[in-house]
C-alpha cells in the first residue's frame, strides 16, 4: 500500500508540474527572444526527407534578419553561399568548392541551389520560426479556436547538454491534402506563406519548381496545415528553439537542430561581403 501511495504521489506531482508550465507563455517568451535578435550565428544539423530517403547536412550560418543578409557554409562539402538583399541583383553568390571551380551567381530559386533543400535562403535563421508560428496561430484563429489549443507541454528534455522545454504543436484539423485554386499569379514561397503550408510539401506533391510562376486559376493539391505535428525544444535559459521536428502523414519530413548559437555576435565590419577574411570566396 505504501508503494502504491508513493507511485500515485509521484504521478500526481508530475501531472501538476506539467500543468503548471504554461506552453503559451513559453512560446511567447521564445518569440520575443527571437524578435530581439537581429543578428546571430549558429551551426545547423538538418535532416530532410526526399522521397523515401533522408539527406543530412551540417551547415554554419551568419544571419542578419533586417536588412536581410545571410552567409552559409556546408561544413561537409565546403560550399559557401552569400546573400545580401539588394546586392548582386538579389542573387546568391556561391563558392561551389568544385566544378566549375569559379564563384557563380545564381537565383536563390535556381534548381541547383534548392536541389537538396526543403527551404530557400529566405527561411535561413531563427526568425523563420516566428513566421511559422504566426502562420500556425492564424490557422487556429480561422478555425474559431483559442491559440492555447495549439500548444501542449511535454516536460523537460536535454539538448546538447542544456535543459529544454518540450512543446507539441498540433493544428486544429486533421492533416490532409485538399484542392486549392490560386486567385493570383505567385511563386511557390508566396503561396506557401499565404496558405500556411510547407512549400516543400506543395513542391513535392505538385512537381512545381521554386522558380516557376504559378498562374491564377491553377488548381493544386496542398496540405491544409504546415505539418501534422511539430515538436520543438526550447532552451530554458535563452528561450531559443534549439530543436524542431516536423511530421506529415508519412512521418517526420524535417528535423533541425541548432548548436553554438550566438545572439548578437560581434561581427566584423566586412561581414556579409566577399572581402570577409573568414570566407573562402
Protein backbone atom coordinates (compact mmCIF):
# COMPACT_ATOMS: atom_id res chain seq x y z
CA UNK A 1 0.00 0.00 0.00
CA UNK A 2 2.84 2.39 0.85
CA UNK A 3 4.49 1.68 -2.53
CA UNK A 4 1.21 2.28 -4.36
CA UNK A 5 0.70 5.53 -2.48
CA UNK A 6 4.21 6.68 -3.36
CA UNK A 7 3.65 5.94 -7.06
CA UNK A 8 0.35 7.84 -7.04
CA UNK A 9 2.02 10.79 -5.31
CA UNK A 10 4.84 10.86 -7.87
CA UNK A 11 2.37 10.65 -10.77
CA UNK A 12 0.26 13.44 -9.29
CA UNK A 13 3.34 15.59 -8.70
CA UNK A 14 4.46 15.11 -12.32
CA UNK A 15 0.98 15.95 -13.63
CA UNK A 16 0.76 19.11 -11.53
CA UNK A 17 4.23 20.18 -12.69
CA UNK A 18 3.25 19.79 -16.35
CA UNK A 19 0.03 21.69 -15.75
CA UNK A 20 1.98 24.47 -14.01
CA UNK A 21 4.05 25.05 -17.16
CA UNK A 22 2.11 27.35 -19.50
CA UNK A 23 3.16 26.47 -23.07
CA UNK A 24 1.62 29.67 -24.46
CA UNK A 25 3.73 31.80 -22.10
CA UNK A 26 6.83 29.79 -23.03
CA UNK A 27 6.17 30.25 -26.75
CA UNK A 28 5.60 33.96 -26.26
CA UNK A 29 8.93 34.30 -24.44
CA UNK A 30 10.60 32.42 -27.28
CA UNK A 31 9.03 34.65 -29.93
CA UNK A 32 10.15 37.76 -28.03
CA UNK A 33 13.71 36.44 -27.73
CA UNK A 34 13.79 35.80 -31.49
CA UNK A 35 12.36 39.24 -32.34
CA UNK A 36 15.02 40.90 -30.19
CA UNK A 37 17.83 39.12 -32.05
CA UNK A 38 18.58 40.79 -35.37
CA UNK A 39 21.99 39.15 -35.82
CA UNK A 40 23.02 35.60 -35.00
CA UNK A 41 25.43 32.82 -35.84
CA UNK A 42 24.89 29.11 -35.34
CA UNK A 43 25.58 25.60 -36.61
CA UNK A 44 22.61 23.74 -38.06
CA UNK A 45 22.24 19.97 -38.29
CA UNK A 46 19.43 19.29 -40.73
CA UNK A 47 17.66 16.08 -41.71
CA UNK A 48 15.22 16.41 -44.60
CA UNK A 49 13.17 13.79 -46.41
CA UNK A 50 13.32 13.44 -50.17
CA UNK A 51 11.07 10.66 -51.44
CA UNK A 52 11.84 7.73 -49.14
CA UNK A 53 15.34 8.88 -48.20
CA UNK A 54 16.75 11.47 -45.81
CA UNK A 55 19.59 13.88 -46.53
CA UNK A 56 21.63 15.11 -43.57
CA UNK A 57 23.70 18.28 -43.56
CA UNK A 58 25.90 20.22 -41.16
CA UNK A 59 25.75 23.91 -42.01
CA UNK A 60 27.14 27.09 -40.47
CA UNK A 61 25.18 30.32 -40.70
CA UNK A 62 25.78 34.00 -40.05
CA UNK A 63 22.47 35.85 -40.33
CA UNK A 64 21.13 39.37 -40.18
CA UNK A 65 17.35 39.41 -40.22
CA UNK A 66 16.84 43.01 -41.37
CA UNK A 67 18.02 44.16 -43.79
CA UNK A 68 18.35 40.55 -44.92
CA UNK A 69 21.91 39.18 -45.08
CA UNK A 70 22.95 35.52 -44.94
CA UNK A 71 26.25 33.68 -45.11
CA UNK A 72 26.12 29.88 -45.21
CA UNK A 73 28.80 27.22 -45.37
CA UNK A 74 28.28 23.49 -45.81
CA UNK A 75 30.85 22.14 -43.34
CA UNK A 76 30.97 18.75 -45.08
CA UNK A 77 31.08 19.78 -48.73
CA UNK A 78 32.80 23.15 -48.30
CA UNK A 79 30.23 25.00 -50.43
CA UNK A 80 29.68 28.64 -49.40
CA UNK A 81 26.78 30.98 -50.16
CA UNK A 82 26.39 34.71 -49.58
CA UNK A 83 23.09 36.54 -49.99
CA UNK A 84 22.54 40.23 -49.29
CA UNK A 85 19.22 41.81 -50.15
CA UNK A 86 19.68 44.40 -52.90
CA UNK A 87 23.23 43.26 -53.75
CA UNK A 88 24.37 41.17 -56.72
CA UNK A 89 20.95 41.60 -58.40
CA UNK A 90 19.46 39.77 -55.39
CA UNK A 91 21.26 36.60 -56.46
CA UNK A 92 23.20 34.23 -54.23
CA UNK A 93 26.98 34.39 -54.61
CA UNK A 94 28.34 30.86 -54.41
CA UNK A 95 31.72 29.23 -53.94
CA UNK A 96 30.94 25.70 -55.21
CA UNK A 97 34.24 24.26 -53.88
CA UNK A 98 34.27 22.16 -57.03
CA UNK A 99 33.35 22.34 -60.71
CA UNK A 100 33.25 24.87 -62.38
CA UNK A 101 35.97 25.99 -59.89
CA UNK A 102 34.90 29.63 -60.01
CA UNK A 103 32.44 31.60 -57.92
CA UNK A 104 29.00 31.83 -59.52
CA UNK A 105 25.88 33.96 -59.06
CA UNK A 106 22.55 32.13 -59.14
CA UNK A 107 18.95 32.92 -58.33
CA UNK A 108 18.04 31.69 -54.86
CA UNK A 109 15.23 29.76 -56.60
CA UNK A 110 17.55 28.05 -59.09
CA UNK A 111 17.18 24.26 -59.11
CA UNK A 112 20.90 23.90 -58.47
CA UNK A 113 20.57 25.96 -55.28
CA UNK A 114 17.48 24.25 -53.85
CA UNK A 115 18.06 20.73 -55.22
CA UNK A 116 18.77 19.18 -51.82
CA UNK A 117 17.00 21.68 -49.60
CA UNK A 118 13.43 22.00 -48.35
CA UNK A 119 13.85 25.74 -47.90
CA UNK A 120 15.26 28.74 -49.71
CA UNK A 121 17.64 31.28 -48.20
CA UNK A 122 14.56 33.31 -47.19
CA UNK A 123 13.96 30.81 -44.37
CA UNK A 124 17.52 30.77 -43.04
CA UNK A 125 17.79 31.84 -39.42
CA UNK A 126 15.68 31.61 -36.32
CA UNK A 127 13.39 34.41 -37.47
CA UNK A 128 11.59 31.88 -39.69
CA UNK A 129 10.39 30.08 -36.55
CA UNK A 130 8.27 33.13 -35.71
CA UNK A 131 6.92 33.26 -39.26
CA UNK A 132 5.91 29.62 -38.94
CA UNK A 133 4.30 30.06 -35.51
CA UNK A 134 2.35 33.12 -36.58
CA UNK A 135 1.03 31.11 -39.51
CA UNK A 136 0.00 28.24 -37.23
CA UNK A 137 -1.83 30.65 -34.94
CA UNK A 138 -3.70 32.21 -37.88
CA UNK A 139 -4.84 28.70 -38.81
CA UNK A 140 -6.17 28.18 -35.29
CA UNK A 141 -7.95 31.55 -35.33
CA UNK A 142 -9.64 30.72 -38.63
CA UNK A 143 -10.94 27.52 -37.03
CA UNK A 144 -12.53 29.62 -34.28
CA UNK A 145 -10.34 28.19 -31.53
CA UNK A 146 -8.11 29.75 -28.91
CA UNK A 147 -4.38 29.59 -29.65
CA UNK A 148 -3.84 27.72 -26.38
CA UNK A 149 -5.32 24.66 -28.13
CA UNK A 150 -2.32 24.65 -30.48
CA UNK A 151 0.30 24.02 -27.80
CA UNK A 152 0.83 21.32 -25.19
CA UNK A 153 3.66 20.99 -22.67
CA UNK A 154 5.52 17.67 -22.70
CA UNK A 155 8.10 18.10 -19.96
CA UNK A 156 11.84 18.77 -19.87
CA UNK A 157 14.40 17.25 -22.23
CA UNK A 158 18.12 17.79 -22.74
CA UNK A 159 19.72 19.01 -25.97
CA UNK A 160 23.48 19.46 -26.31
CA UNK A 161 23.74 19.26 -22.52
CA UNK A 162 21.21 22.04 -21.91
CA UNK A 163 17.77 21.62 -20.27
CA UNK A 164 14.90 22.49 -22.60
CA UNK A 165 11.13 22.77 -22.56
CA UNK A 166 9.48 20.26 -24.89
CA UNK A 167 6.39 21.63 -26.65
CA UNK A 168 3.97 19.91 -29.06
CA UNK A 169 2.16 21.90 -31.74
CA UNK A 170 -0.95 20.25 -33.18
CA UNK A 171 -3.14 22.03 -35.79
CA UNK A 172 -6.91 22.21 -35.16
CA UNK A 173 -7.87 19.95 -38.08
CA UNK A 174 -6.75 16.51 -39.24
CA UNK A 175 -3.78 16.88 -41.59
CA UNK A 176 -4.68 16.12 -45.21
CA UNK A 177 -4.25 17.34 -48.77
CA UNK A 178 -7.05 19.41 -50.32
CA UNK A 179 -7.70 21.02 -53.70
CA UNK A 180 -6.77 24.69 -53.90
CA UNK A 181 -7.24 27.04 -56.85
CA UNK A 182 -4.93 30.06 -56.90
CA UNK A 183 -6.53 33.51 -57.07
CA UNK A 184 -3.43 35.35 -58.33
CA UNK A 185 -0.07 34.87 -60.04
CA UNK A 186 2.57 33.97 -57.43
CA UNK A 187 5.61 31.82 -56.81
CA UNK A 188 5.81 28.81 -54.53
CA UNK A 189 7.14 30.68 -51.49
CA UNK A 190 4.46 33.38 -51.75
CA UNK A 191 1.74 30.73 -52.00
CA UNK A 192 3.04 28.73 -49.05
CA UNK A 193 3.12 31.80 -46.81
CA UNK A 194 -0.41 32.83 -47.75
CA UNK A 195 -1.99 29.44 -47.05
CA UNK A 196 0.36 28.47 -44.17
CA UNK A 197 1.74 25.30 -45.75
CA UNK A 198 5.18 23.82 -46.34
CA UNK A 199 6.47 25.00 -49.70
CA UNK A 200 8.43 21.75 -49.98
CA UNK A 201 5.34 19.57 -49.47
CA UNK A 202 3.48 21.59 -52.11
CA UNK A 203 6.50 21.28 -54.43
CA UNK A 204 6.77 17.54 -53.85
CA UNK A 205 3.06 16.79 -54.37
CA UNK A 206 2.61 19.00 -57.46
CA UNK A 207 6.10 18.81 -59.01
CA UNK A 208 6.43 22.60 -59.08
CA UNK A 209 9.93 24.18 -59.17
CA UNK A 210 10.62 27.21 -57.00
CA UNK A 211 11.38 29.48 -59.95
CA UNK A 212 8.07 28.85 -61.71
CA UNK A 213 5.26 31.41 -61.56
CA UNK A 214 2.03 29.67 -60.56
CA UNK A 215 -0.64 31.27 -62.70
CA UNK A 216 -4.00 32.47 -61.40
CA UNK A 217 -6.63 29.72 -61.74
CA UNK A 218 -4.15 26.84 -61.29
CA UNK A 219 -5.57 24.02 -59.15
CA UNK A 220 -3.13 22.28 -56.83
CA UNK A 221 -3.15 19.66 -54.09
CA UNK A 222 -1.94 21.40 -50.92
CA UNK A 223 -1.73 20.41 -47.24
CA UNK A 224 -4.37 22.03 -45.02
CA UNK A 225 -1.70 22.83 -42.39
CA UNK A 226 2.06 23.35 -42.35
CA UNK A 227 2.53 19.99 -40.63
CA UNK A 228 0.52 17.29 -38.91
CA UNK A 229 2.58 17.78 -35.76
CA UNK A 230 5.58 19.81 -34.67
CA UNK A 231 7.85 19.12 -31.70
CA UNK A 232 10.10 21.92 -30.50
CA UNK A 233 12.76 22.04 -27.78
CA UNK A 234 13.22 25.50 -26.24
CA UNK A 235 16.36 26.28 -24.26
CA UNK A 236 15.27 27.14 -20.70
CA UNK A 237 17.95 29.82 -20.34
CA UNK A 238 17.97 31.59 -23.73
CA UNK A 239 14.48 30.62 -24.95
CA UNK A 240 15.94 29.76 -28.33
CA UNK A 241 14.15 26.94 -30.27
CA UNK A 242 17.14 24.61 -30.48
CA UNK A 243 15.37 21.58 -31.99
CA UNK A 244 12.40 21.42 -34.36
CA UNK A 245 10.85 18.22 -35.72
CA UNK A 246 8.02 18.38 -38.26
CA UNK A 247 5.74 15.50 -39.24
CA UNK A 248 3.23 14.82 -42.02
CA UNK A 249 1.04 11.77 -42.68
CA UNK A 250 4.13 9.71 -43.61
CA UNK A 251 6.22 10.59 -40.56
CA UNK A 252 8.99 13.10 -39.92
CA UNK A 253 9.86 15.15 -43.00
CA UNK A 254 12.19 17.72 -41.38
CA UNK A 255 14.42 17.95 -38.33
CA UNK A 256 16.58 20.97 -37.48
CA UNK A 257 19.00 21.12 -34.56
CA UNK A 258 20.79 24.38 -33.71
CA UNK A 259 24.07 24.44 -31.79
CA UNK A 260 26.66 27.10 -30.92
CA UNK A 261 24.02 29.81 -31.12
CA UNK A 262 25.47 33.28 -30.62
CA UNK A 263 22.93 36.03 -30.16
CA UNK A 264 24.04 39.45 -31.46
CA UNK A 265 27.61 38.28 -32.20
CA UNK A 266 30.40 40.79 -32.71
CA UNK A 267 30.57 40.53 -36.49
CA UNK A 268 33.48 42.22 -38.26
CA UNK A 269 32.85 45.30 -40.40
CA UNK A 270 33.46 43.17 -43.51
CA UNK A 271 30.87 40.53 -42.54
CA UNK A 272 28.41 39.74 -45.36
CA UNK A 273 30.88 40.94 -48.01
CA UNK A 274 33.15 38.93 -50.29
CA UNK A 275 36.11 40.61 -48.57
CA UNK A 276 35.43 38.95 -45.21
CA UNK A 277 38.64 37.17 -44.17
CA UNK A 278 36.79 34.16 -42.72
CA UNK A 279 35.04 33.42 -46.02
CA UNK A 280 36.56 31.43 -48.87
CA UNK A 281 35.32 33.44 -51.86
